Amino acid sequence: MGNLEIPNYETLIPNNTFGKQGERLRNPAFRWVVPATQVIHISRYRVPSQKEVLDLIRKSAHDCYSQQSGDEENSLDAFLKMFPRSEVRKISNGNRYSMLHLREHYRIKREANEREEGKSYIQVIHGIIPDEVLEDFDRNKLEEKIKEVLYQKLIRDLGREEWYLVVKLEEDKFPNLLELEYLLGHRVKNCDVFEIIGDCKYEKVADEMRAFCGVFETPKDVEKIEDGSELKLKETAASVIQHTISCLVAAKTIEGATKRMGINANIINTQHPNLGNEEDDEPISKN
């Protein structure tokens, strides 16, 4: 299986980062223009299901709670340790209130994200970066994985005309060109098939999408992009944990305030029945 080739682009990192000569950038402070490179980074992932996310959180909580001093931490430990240790134990044991709370925050996060569970997507991020920055960057002999992350950071922090394109794959390949042409002809930016976000000239993004149709014609073409589904699963789990922690902290703060004011704290516990309930654990299932 050969490497990806994107029309008119040179490969910066095989199968994920590409560049071509971009429009010269004007420096508004000094009134001069500088040469620049148009950089794109391409990734793909499958959106995890609720079960996959909650199973990962529960397994990570079990590992975190049973962890001995000196053991290697798993990727979610830093987030789980923001919980009280008693709450980590409850999640590890599958406590029904703790899991319901996590499930509710997963639902809230899902409603804010239009990506479909179980579906695969290609994401492209684009930015125009001054050549001087890239030359300094290239002089450092770095591993490709580190360079990939740094290219993405350069696009986000320094890139002009920064935009994101997210495209839903159909049968593990890019959508049909005729379908795309209909949507692009109506200048659609957000639909079930794709989403365009950011500072962009619509026709430039549309031209890139047309080129991608020829690049990602088959599942084998798409497979050349490294699968980021595991990372997406971990990112989603971490986001759900953070959202849940914020809720628990807020509820505890309100509970403390109501006690000081002489208000019945059971009002709060109705919304968060697991607060202060240290004995309502269920054993870890054998499944």
C-alpha atoms as a PDB file:
ATOM      1  CA  MET A   1       0.000   0.000   0.000  1.00  0.00           C
ATOM      2  CA  GLY A   2       1.603   3.260  -1.154  1.00  0.00           C
ATOM      3  CA  ASN A   3       1.503   6.620   0.565  1.00  0.00           C
ATOM      4  CA  LEU A   4      -1.181   9.234   0.077  1.00  0.00           C
ATOM      5  CA  GLU A   5      -0.631  11.806  -2.640  1.00  0.00           C
ATOM      6  CA  ILE A   6      -2.676  15.014  -2.545  1.00  0.00           C
ATOM      7  CA  PRO A   7      -2.828  16.897  -5.896  1.00  0.00           C
ATOM      8  CA  ASN A   8      -0.634  20.043  -5.906  1.00  0.00           C
ATOM      9  CA  TYR A   9       0.716  19.341  -2.399  1.00  0.00           C
ATOM     10  CA  GLU A  10       4.111  18.118  -1.237  1.00  0.00           C
ATOM     11  CA  THR A  11       4.306  15.593   1.583  1.00  0.00           C
ATOM     12  CA  LEU A  12       5.564  17.023   4.874  1.00  0.00           C
ATOM     13  CA  ILE A  13       4.742  13.911   6.927  1.00  0.00           C
ATOM     14  CA  PRO A  14       3.617  10.783   5.014  1.00  0.00           C
ATOM     15  CA  ASN A  15      -0.139  10.172   5.026  1.00  0.00           C
ATOM     16  CA  ASN A  16      -1.158  13.060   7.274  1.00  0.00           C
ATOM     17  CA  THR A  17       0.520  16.440   6.681  1.00  0.00           C
ATOM     18  CA  PHE A  18       0.967  18.212   3.338  1.00  0.00           C
ATOM     19  CA  GLY A  19       2.026  21.652   2.137  1.00  0.00           C
ATOM     20  CA  LYS A  20       2.132  23.849  -0.950  1.00  0.00           C
ATOM     21  CA  GLN A  21       3.127  27.432  -1.710  1.00  0.00           C
ATOM     22  CA  GLY A  22       0.509  29.765  -0.297  1.00  0.00           C
ATOM     23  CA  GLU A  23      -0.362  33.412  -0.718  1.00  0.00           C
ATOM     24  CA  ARG A  24       2.259  35.759   0.681  1.00  0.00           C
ATOM     25  CA  LEU A  25       1.263  37.072   4.086  1.00  0.00           C
ATOM     26  CA  ARG A  26       1.266  40.763   4.897  1.00  0.00           C
ATOM     27  CA  ASN A  27       2.724  41.848   8.210  1.00  0.00           C
ATOM     28  CA  PRO A  28       0.408  44.698   9.303  1.00  0.00           C
ATOM     29  CA  ALA A  29       2.922  46.084  11.813  1.00  0.00           C
ATOM     30  CA  PHE A  30       5.842  46.482   9.385  1.00  0.00           C
ATOM     31  CA  ARG A  31       3.943  46.705   6.064  1.00  0.00           C
ATOM     32  CA  TRP A  32       5.889  43.965   4.323  1.00  0.00           C
ATOM     33  CA  VAL A  33       4.883  40.622   2.911  1.00  0.00           C
ATOM     34  CA  VAL A  34       6.497  37.277   3.684  1.00  0.00           C
ATOM     35  CA  PRO A  35       6.420  33.956   1.785  1.00  0.00           C
ATOM     36  CA  ALA A  36       4.139  31.335   3.319  1.00  0.00           C
ATOM     37  CA  THR A  37       3.063  27.714   2.974  1.00  0.00           C
ATOM     38  CA  GLN A  38      -0.482  26.394   2.860  1.00  0.00           C
ATOM     39  CA  VAL A  39      -0.506  23.410   5.253  1.00  0.00           C
ATOM     40  CA  ILE A  40      -3.188  20.752   5.707  1.00  0.00           C
ATOM     41  CA  HIS A  41      -3.322  17.961   8.268  1.00  0.00           C
ATOM     42  CA  ILE A  42      -5.591  14.971   7.596  1.00  0.00           C
ATOM     43  CA  SER A  43      -6.871  12.509  10.202  1.00  0.00           C
ATOM     44  CA  ARG A  44      -9.656   9.944  10.498  1.00  0.00           C
ATOM     45  CA  TYR A  45     -11.605   8.421  13.375  1.00  0.00           C
ATOM     46  CA  ARG A  46     -14.756   6.528  14.279  1.00  0.00           C
ATOM     47  CA  VAL A  47     -17.139   8.146  16.789  1.00  0.00           C
ATOM     48  CA  PRO A  48     -17.336   5.851  19.854  1.00  0.00           C
ATOM     49  CA  SER A  49     -20.624   4.587  21.307  1.00  0.00           C
ATOM     50  CA  GLN A  50     -21.931   5.418  24.774  1.00  0.00           C
ATOM     51  CA  LYS A  51     -21.154   1.856  25.917  1.00  0.00           C
ATOM     52  CA  GLU A  52     -17.542   2.096  24.718  1.00  0.00           C
ATOM     53  CA  VAL A  53     -17.035   5.410  26.517  1.00  0.00           C
ATOM     54  CA  LEU A  54     -18.590   4.304  29.818  1.00  0.00           C
ATOM     55  CA  ASP A  55     -16.837   0.922  29.718  1.00  0.00           C
ATOM     56  CA  LEU A  56     -13.481   2.695  29.281  1.00  0.00           C
ATOM     57  CA  ILE A  57     -14.206   5.090  32.169  1.00  0.00           C
ATOM     58  CA  ARG A  58     -15.235   2.204  34.440  1.00  0.00           C
ATOM     59  CA  LYS A  59     -12.208   0.072  33.537  1.00  0.00           C
ATOM     60  CA  SER A  60      -9.889   3.065  34.008  1.00  0.00           C
ATOM     61  CA  ALA A  61     -11.514   3.809  37.382  1.00  0.00           C
ATOM     62  CA  HIS A  62     -10.976   0.185  38.433  1.00  0.00           C
ATOM     63  CA  ASP A  63      -7.302   0.375  37.412  1.00  0.00           C
ATOM     64  CA  CYS A  64      -6.896   3.758  39.088  1.00  0.00           C
ATOM     65  CA  TYR A  65      -8.515   2.688  42.369  1.00  0.00           C
ATOM     66  CA  SER A  66      -6.552  -0.557  42.621  1.00  0.00           C
ATOM     67  CA  GLN A  67      -3.310   1.053  41.513  1.00  0.00           C
ATOM     68  CA  GLN A  68      -0.286   0.417  43.696  1.00  0.00           C
ATOM     69  CA  SER A  69       2.473   2.955  44.243  1.00  0.00           C
ATOM     70  CA  GLY A  70       4.895   2.767  41.330  1.00  0.00           C
ATOM     71  CA  ASP A  71       2.387   1.296  38.906  1.00  0.00           C
ATOM     72  CA  GLU A  72       2.232   2.882  35.459  1.00  0.00           C
ATOM     73  CA  GLU A  73      -0.725   5.263  35.166  1.00  0.00           C
ATOM     74  CA  ASN A  74      -3.319   4.793  32.442  1.00  0.00           C
ATOM     75  CA  SER A  75      -4.247   7.675  30.149  1.00  0.00           C
ATOM     76  CA  LEU A  76      -7.342   8.756  32.145  1.00  0.00           C
ATOM     77  CA  ASP A  77      -5.750   8.652  35.607  1.00  0.00           C
ATOM     78  CA  ALA A  78      -5.044  12.380  35.679  1.00  0.00           C
ATOM     79  CA  PHE A  79      -8.741  13.101  35.071  1.00  0.00           C
ATOM     80  CA  LEU A  80     -10.085  10.415  37.435  1.00  0.00           C
ATOM     81  CA  LYS A  81      -7.882  11.669  40.276  1.00  0.00           C
ATOM     82  CA  MET A  82      -9.875  14.910  40.213  1.00  0.00           C
ATOM     83  CA  PHE A  83     -12.761  12.867  41.682  1.00  0.00           C
ATOM     84  CA  PRO A  84     -12.853  12.050  45.407  1.00  0.00           C
ATOM     85  CA  ARG A  85     -11.347   8.570  45.843  1.00  0.00           C
ATOM     86  CA  SER A  86     -14.719   7.319  47.087  1.00  0.00           C
ATOM     87  CA  GLU A  87     -16.292   8.347  43.766  1.00  0.00           C
ATOM     88  CA  VAL A  88     -13.594   6.537  41.783  1.00  0.00           C
ATOM     89  CA  ARG A  89     -14.429   3.411  43.815  1.00  0.00           C
ATOM     90  CA  LYS A  90     -18.122   3.809  43.038  1.00  0.00           C
ATOM     91  CA  ILE A  91     -17.468   4.144  39.305  1.00  0.00           C
ATOM     92  CA  SER A  92     -15.135   1.139  39.473  1.00  0.00           C
ATOM     93  CA  ASN A  93     -17.885  -0.885  41.156  1.00  0.00           C
ATOM     94  CA  GLY A  94     -20.526   0.226  38.652  1.00  0.00           C
ATOM     95  CA  ASN A  95     -22.564   2.121  41.258  1.00  0.00           C
ATOM     96  CA  ARG A  96     -25.887   2.805  39.553  1.00  0.00           C
ATOM     97  CA  TYR A  97     -26.073   6.490  40.521  1.00  0.00           C
ATOM     98  CA  SER A  98     -22.482   7.194  39.468  1.00  0.00           C
ATOM     99  CA  MET A  99     -22.981   5.463  36.121  1.00  0.00           C
ATOM    100  CA  LEU A 100     -26.299   7.251  35.543  1.00  0.00           C
ATOM    101  CA  HIS A 101     -24.572  10.546  36.258  1.00  0.00           C
ATOM    102  CA  LEU A 102     -21.793   9.768  33.758  1.00  0.00           C
ATOM    103  CA  ARG A 103     -24.381   8.614  31.228  1.00  0.00           C
ATOM    104  CA  GLU A 104     -26.277  11.891  31.586  1.00  0.00           C
ATOM    105  CA  HIS A 105     -23.155  13.937  30.962  1.00  0.00           C
ATOM    106  CA  TYR A 106     -22.296  11.741  28.002  1.00  0.00           C
ATOM    107  CA  ARG A 107     -25.774  12.573  26.624  1.00  0.00           C
ATOM    108  CA  ILE A 108     -25.177  16.308  27.142  1.00  0.00           C
ATOM    109  CA  LYS A 109     -21.840  16.112  25.335  1.00  0.00           C
ATOM    110  CA  ARG A 110     -23.409  14.100  22.494  1.00  0.00           C
ATOM    111  CA  GLU A 111     -26.149  16.704  21.987  1.00  0.00           C
ATOM    112  CA  ALA A 112     -23.454  19.349  21.519  1.00  0.00           C
ATOM    113  CA  ASN A 113     -21.700  17.206  18.893  1.00  0.00           C
ATOM    114  CA  GLU A 114     -23.504  16.342  15.670  1.00  0.00           C
ATOM    115  CA  ARG A 115     -21.222  13.437  14.745  1.00  0.00           C
ATOM    116  CA  GLU A 116     -23.034  10.083  14.588  1.00  0.00           C
ATOM    117  CA  GLU A 117     -22.111   7.224  16.919  1.00  0.00           C
ATOM    118  CA  GLY A 118     -20.359   4.415  15.101  1.00  0.00           C
ATOM    119  CA  LYS A 119     -19.730   6.484  11.951  1.00  0.00           C
ATOM    120  CA  SER A 120     -16.270   7.229  10.571  1.00  0.00           C
ATOM    121  CA  TYR A 121     -15.053  10.690   9.592  1.00  0.00           C
ATOM    122  CA  ILE A 122     -12.115  12.370   7.878  1.00  0.00           C
ATOM    123  CA  GLN A 123     -11.015  15.664   9.393  1.00  0.00           C
ATOM    124  CA  VAL A 124      -8.858  18.230   7.600  1.00  0.00           C
ATOM    125  CA  ILE A 125      -7.368  21.281   9.284  1.00  0.00           C
ATOM    126  CA  HIS A 126      -5.851  24.047   7.143  1.00  0.00           C
ATOM    127  CA  GLY A 127      -3.750  27.120   7.750  1.00  0.00           C
ATOM    128  CA  ILE A 128      -1.244  29.362   5.967  1.00  0.00           C
ATOM    129  CA  ILE A 129       2.031  29.558   7.914  1.00  0.00           C
ATOM    130  CA  PRO A 130       5.024  31.866   7.301  1.00  0.00           C
ATOM    131  CA  ASP A 131       7.920  29.976   5.712  1.00  0.00           C
ATOM    132  CA  GLU A 132      10.335  31.420   8.276  1.00  0.00           C
ATOM    133  CA  VAL A 133       8.436  29.605  11.050  1.00  0.00           C
ATOM    134  CA  LEU A 134       8.452  26.322   9.123  1.00  0.00           C
ATOM    135  CA  GLU A 135      12.188  26.626   8.358  1.00  0.00           C
ATOM    136  CA  ASP A 136      12.971  27.022  12.068  1.00  0.00           C
ATOM    137  CA  PHE A 137      10.676  24.097  12.769  1.00  0.00           C
ATOM    138  CA  ASP A 138      12.314  21.840  10.154  1.00  0.00           C
ATOM    139  CA  ARG A 139      15.803  22.509  11.454  1.00  0.00           C
ATOM    140  CA  ASN A 140      14.935  20.577  14.606  1.00  0.00           C
ATOM    141  CA  LYS A 141      15.302  16.836  14.044  1.00  0.00           C
ATOM    142  CA  LEU A 142      12.106  15.546  15.647  1.00  0.00           C
ATOM    143  CA  GLU A 143      10.229  12.266  15.498  1.00  0.00           C
ATOM    144  CA  GLU A 144       7.322  12.247  13.062  1.00  0.00           C
ATOM    145  CA  LYS A 145       4.719  11.837  15.831  1.00  0.00           C
ATOM    146  CA  ILE A 146       6.014  14.951  17.591  1.00  0.00           C
ATOM    147  CA  LYS A 147       6.203  16.877  14.309  1.00  0.00           C
ATOM    148  CA  GLU A 148       2.615  15.916  13.506  1.00  0.00           C
ATOM    149  CA  VAL A 149       1.367  17.374  16.793  1.00  0.00           C
ATOM    150  CA  LEU A 150       3.476  20.510  16.322  1.00  0.00           C
ATOM    151  CA  TYR A 151       2.182  21.075  12.775  1.00  0.00           C
ATOM    152  CA  GLN A 152      -1.363  20.983  14.132  1.00  0.00           C
ATOM    153  CA  LYS A 153      -0.388  23.454  16.858  1.00  0.00           C
ATOM    154  CA  LEU A 154       1.215  25.776  14.292  1.00  0.00           C
ATOM    155  CA  ILE A 155      -1.979  25.756  12.225  1.00  0.00           C
ATOM    156  CA  ARG A 156      -4.126  26.527  15.269  1.00  0.00           C
ATOM    157  CA  ASP A 157      -1.835  29.158  16.792  1.00  0.00           C
ATOM    158  CA  LEU A 158      -0.269  30.875  13.771  1.00  0.00           C
ATOM    159  CA  GLY A 159      -2.224  29.795  10.713  1.00  0.00           C
ATOM    160  CA  ARG A 160      -4.005  32.411   8.619  1.00  0.00           C
ATOM    161  CA  GLU A 161      -7.237  31.376   6.881  1.00  0.00           C
ATOM    162  CA  GLU A 162      -7.576  28.620   9.471  1.00  0.00           C
ATOM    163  CA  TRP A 163     -10.437  26.257   8.719  1.00  0.00           C
ATOM    164  CA  TYR A 164     -11.635  22.768   9.561  1.00  0.00           C
ATOM    165  CA  LEU A 165     -13.399  20.311   7.291  1.00  0.00           C
ATOM    166  CA  VAL A 166     -15.128  17.214   8.693  1.00  0.00           C
ATOM    167  CA  VAL A 167     -16.551  14.705   6.192  1.00  0.00           C
ATOM    168  CA  LYS A 168     -18.613  11.603   7.031  1.00  0.00           C
ATOM    169  CA  LEU A 169     -17.400   8.530   5.184  1.00  0.00           C
ATOM    170  CA  GLU A 170     -19.840   6.369   3.249  1.00  0.00           C
ATOM    171  CA  GLU A 171     -18.877   2.694   3.265  1.00  0.00           C
ATOM    172  CA  ASP A 172     -15.378   3.764   4.371  1.00  0.00           C
ATOM    173  CA  LYS A 173     -14.795   6.079   1.425  1.00  0.00           C
ATOM    174  CA  PHE A 174     -15.386   9.727   0.520  1.00  0.00           C
ATOM    175  CA  PRO A 175     -18.965  10.719  -0.417  1.00  0.00           C
ATOM    176  CA  ASN A 176     -20.083  10.558  -4.031  1.00  0.00           C
ATOM    177  CA  LEU A 177     -18.869  13.528  -6.112  1.00  0.00           C
ATOM    178  CA  LEU A 178     -22.340  14.186  -7.560  1.00  0.00           C
ATOM    179  CA  GLU A 179     -23.807  14.475  -4.051  1.00  0.00           C
ATOM    180  CA  LEU A 180     -21.001  16.819  -3.035  1.00  0.00           C
ATOM    181  CA  GLU A 181     -21.412  18.952  -6.153  1.00  0.00           C
ATOM    182  CA  TYR A 182     -25.102  19.456  -5.369  1.00  0.00           C
ATOM    183  CA  LEU A 183     -24.320  20.578  -1.809  1.00  0.00           C
ATOM    184  CA  LEU A 184     -21.339  22.710  -2.830  1.00  0.00           C
ATOM    185  CA  GLY A 185     -23.410  24.328  -5.574  1.00  0.00           C
ATOM    186  CA  HIS A 186     -25.827  25.509  -2.872  1.00  0.00           C
ATOM    187  CA  ARG A 187     -22.881  26.709  -0.725  1.00  0.00           C
ATOM    188  CA  VAL A 188     -23.847  24.427   2.147  1.00  0.00           C
ATOM    189  CA  LYS A 189     -21.460  24.628   5.135  1.00  0.00           C
ATOM    190  CA  ASN A 190     -23.103  22.331   7.681  1.00  0.00           C
ATOM    191  CA  CYS A 191     -25.078  19.200   6.785  1.00  0.00           C
ATOM    192  CA  ASP A 192     -25.190  15.464   7.462  1.00  0.00           C
ATOM    193  CA  VAL A 193     -22.422  14.851   4.900  1.00  0.00           C
ATOM    194  CA  PHE A 194     -19.833  17.467   5.872  1.00  0.00           C
ATOM    195  CA  GLU A 195     -19.150  20.532   8.003  1.00  0.00           C
ATOM    196  CA  ILE A 196     -16.920  23.515   7.225  1.00  0.00           C
ATOM    197  CA  ILE A 197     -15.766  25.591  10.190  1.00  0.00           C
ATOM    198  CA  GLY A 198     -13.593  28.682  10.375  1.00  0.00           C
ATOM    199  CA  ASP A 199     -12.040  31.522   8.393  1.00  0.00           C
ATOM    200  CA  CYS A 200     -12.293  30.416   4.780  1.00  0.00           C
ATOM    201  CA  LYS A 201     -13.213  31.352   1.239  1.00  0.00           C
ATOM    202  CA  TYR A 202     -15.931  28.861   0.346  1.00  0.00           C
ATOM    203  CA  GLU A 203     -14.741  28.134  -3.197  1.00  0.00           C
ATOM    204  CA  LYS A 204     -11.228  27.278  -1.984  1.00  0.00           C
ATOM    205  CA  VAL A 205     -12.581  24.693   0.455  1.00  0.00           C
ATOM    206  CA  ALA A 206     -14.947  23.371  -2.228  1.00  0.00           C
ATOM    207  CA  ASP A 207     -11.999  22.863  -4.609  1.00  0.00           C
ATOM    208  CA  GLU A 208     -10.113  20.970  -1.906  1.00  0.00           C
ATOM    209  CA  MET A 209     -13.134  18.699  -1.342  1.00  0.00           C
ATOM    210  CA  ARG A 210     -13.369  17.923  -5.047  1.00  0.00           C
ATOM    211  CA  ALA A 211      -9.690  16.954  -5.044  1.00  0.00           C
ATOM    212  CA  PHE A 212     -10.196  14.718  -2.000  1.00  0.00           C
ATOM    213  CA  CYS A 213     -12.910  12.805  -3.891  1.00  0.00           C
ATOM    214  CA  GLY A 214     -10.223  11.573  -6.264  1.00  0.00           C
ATOM    215  CA  VAL A 215      -7.816  10.776  -3.424  1.00  0.00           C
ATOM    216  CA  PHE A 216     -10.204   8.789  -1.189  1.00  0.00           C
ATOM    217  CA  GLU A 217     -12.130   6.780  -3.789  1.00  0.00           C
ATOM    218  CA  THR A 218     -11.808   3.412  -2.025  1.00  0.00           C
ATOM    219  CA  PRO A 219     -11.577   2.115   1.559  1.00  0.00           C
ATOM    220  CA  LYS A 220      -7.937   1.186   0.880  1.00  0.00           C
ATOM    221  CA  ASP A 221      -7.192   4.829   0.096  1.00  0.00           C
ATOM    222  CA  VAL A 222      -8.782   5.901   3.382  1.00  0.00           C
ATOM    223  CA  GLU A 223      -6.865   3.235   5.321  1.00  0.00           C
ATOM    224  CA  LYS A 224      -3.621   5.006   4.435  1.00  0.00           C
ATOM    225  CA  ILE A 225      -4.553   7.607   7.056  1.00  0.00           C
ATOM    226  CA  GLU A 226      -3.670   6.407  10.538  1.00  0.00           C
ATOM    227  CA  ASP A 227      -6.775   5.400  12.490  1.00  0.00           C
ATOM    228  CA  GLY A 228      -7.303   7.837  15.375  1.00  0.00           C
ATOM    229  CA  SER A 229     -10.369   6.064  16.803  1.00  0.00           C
ATOM    230  CA  GLU A 230      -8.641   4.970  20.029  1.00  0.00           C
ATOM    231  CA  LEU A 231      -7.476   8.523  20.703  1.00  0.00           C
ATOM    232  CA  LYS A 232     -10.997   9.806  19.955  1.00  0.00           C
ATOM    233  CA  LEU A 233     -12.424   7.319  22.470  1.00  0.00           C
ATOM    234  CA  LYS A 234     -10.000   8.492  25.166  1.00  0.00           C
ATOM    235  CA  GLU A 235     -10.668  12.166  24.397  1.00  0.00           C
ATOM    236  CA  THR A 236     -14.422  11.595  24.638  1.00  0.00           C
ATOM    237  CA  ALA A 237     -14.076   9.710  27.933  1.00  0.00           C
ATOM    238  CA  ALA A 238     -11.850  12.457  29.364  1.00  0.00           C
ATOM    239  CA  SER A 239     -14.362  15.113  28.314  1.00  0.00           C
ATOM    240  CA  VAL A 240     -17.249  13.243  29.991  1.00  0.00           C
ATOM    241  CA  ILE A 241     -15.199  12.883  33.194  1.00  0.00           C
ATOM    242  CA  GLN A 242     -14.337  16.602  33.231  1.00  0.00           C
ATOM    243  CA  HIS A 243     -17.972  17.563  32.630  1.00  0.00           C
ATOM    244  CA  THR A 244     -19.120  15.262  35.444  1.00  0.00           C
ATOM    245  CA  ILE A 245     -16.484  16.588  37.873  1.00  0.00           C
ATOM    246  CA  SER A 246     -17.599  20.178  37.215  1.00  0.00           C
ATOM    247  CA  CYS A 247     -21.175  19.171  37.993  1.00  0.00           C
ATOM    248  CA  LEU A 248     -20.203  17.406  41.230  1.00  0.00           C
ATOM    249  CA  VAL A 249     -18.099  20.358  42.380  1.00  0.00           C
ATOM    250  CA  ALA A 250     -20.956  22.759  41.656  1.00  0.00           C
ATOM    251  CA  ALA A 251     -23.440  20.517  43.492  1.00  0.00           C
ATOM    252  CA  LYS A 252     -21.143  20.233  46.525  1.00  0.00           C
ATOM    253  CA  THR A 253     -20.708  24.001  46.595  1.00  0.00           C
ATOM    254  CA  ILE A 254     -24.472  24.547  46.487  1.00  0.00           C
ATOM    255  CA  GLU A 255     -25.003  21.867  49.123  1.00  0.00           C
ATOM    256  CA  GLY A 256     -22.561  23.596  51.470  1.00  0.00           C
ATOM    257  CA  ALA A 257     -24.211  26.957  50.888  1.00  0.00           C
ATOM    258  CA  THR A 258     -27.692  25.579  51.567  1.00  0.00           C
ATOM    259  CA  LYS A 259     -26.527  24.014  54.823  1.00  0.00           C
ATOM    260  CA  ARG A 260     -25.106  27.337  55.966  1.00  0.00           C
ATOM    261  CA  MET A 261     -28.425  28.965  55.083  1.00  0.00           C
ATOM    262  CA  GLY A 262     -30.396  26.285  56.903  1.00  0.00           C
ATOM    263  CA  ILE A 263     -32.009  24.909  53.719  1.00  0.00           C
ATOM    264  CA  ASN A 264     -32.704  21.171  53.518  1.00  0.00           C
ATOM    265  CA  ALA A 265     -29.766  19.610  51.628  1.00  0.00           C
ATOM    266  CA  ASN A 266     -32.024  16.763  50.440  1.00  0.00           C
ATOM    267  CA  ILE A 267     -33.199  19.138  47.690  1.00  0.00           C
ATOM    268  CA  ILE A 268     -29.708  18.943  46.217  1.00  0.00           C
ATOM    269  CA  ASN A 269     -29.395  15.207  46.766  1.00  0.00           C
ATOM    270  CA  THR A 270     -32.593  14.692  44.776  1.00  0.00           C
ATOM    271  CA  GLN A 271     -30.716  15.975  41.731  1.00  0.00           C
ATOM    272  CA  HIS A 272     -27.454  14.229  42.697  1.00  0.00           C
ATOM    273  CA  PRO A 273     -28.503  11.206  44.793  1.00  0.00           C
ATOM    274  CA  ASN A 274     -24.967   9.847  44.905  1.00  0.00           C
ATOM    275  CA  LEU A 275     -23.636  12.802  46.901  1.00  0.00           C
ATOM    276  CA  GLY A 276     -22.807  11.731  50.401  1.00  0.00           C
ATOM    277  CA  ASN A 277     -24.040   8.195  49.750  1.00  0.00           C
ATOM    278  CA  GLU A 278     -20.966   6.117  50.538  1.00  0.00           C
ATOM    279  CA  GLU A 279     -22.707   2.781  51.009  1.00  0.00           C
ATOM    280  CA  ASP A 280     -24.667   2.473  47.789  1.00  0.00           C
ATOM    281  CA  ASP A 281     -22.023   0.508  45.856  1.00  0.00           C
ATOM    282  CA  GLU A 282     -22.792  -2.472  43.689  1.00  0.00           C
ATOM    283  CA  PRO A 283     -20.187  -5.165  43.011  1.00  0.00           C
ATOM    284  CA  ILE A 284     -18.273  -5.169  39.754  1.00  0.00           C
ATOM    285  CA  SER A 285     -20.180  -7.346  37.318  1.00  0.00           C
ATOM    286  CA  LYS A 286     -18.562 -10.517  36.076  1.00  0.00           C
ATOM    287  CA  ASN A 287     -19.398  -9.706  32.459  1.00  0.00           C
END
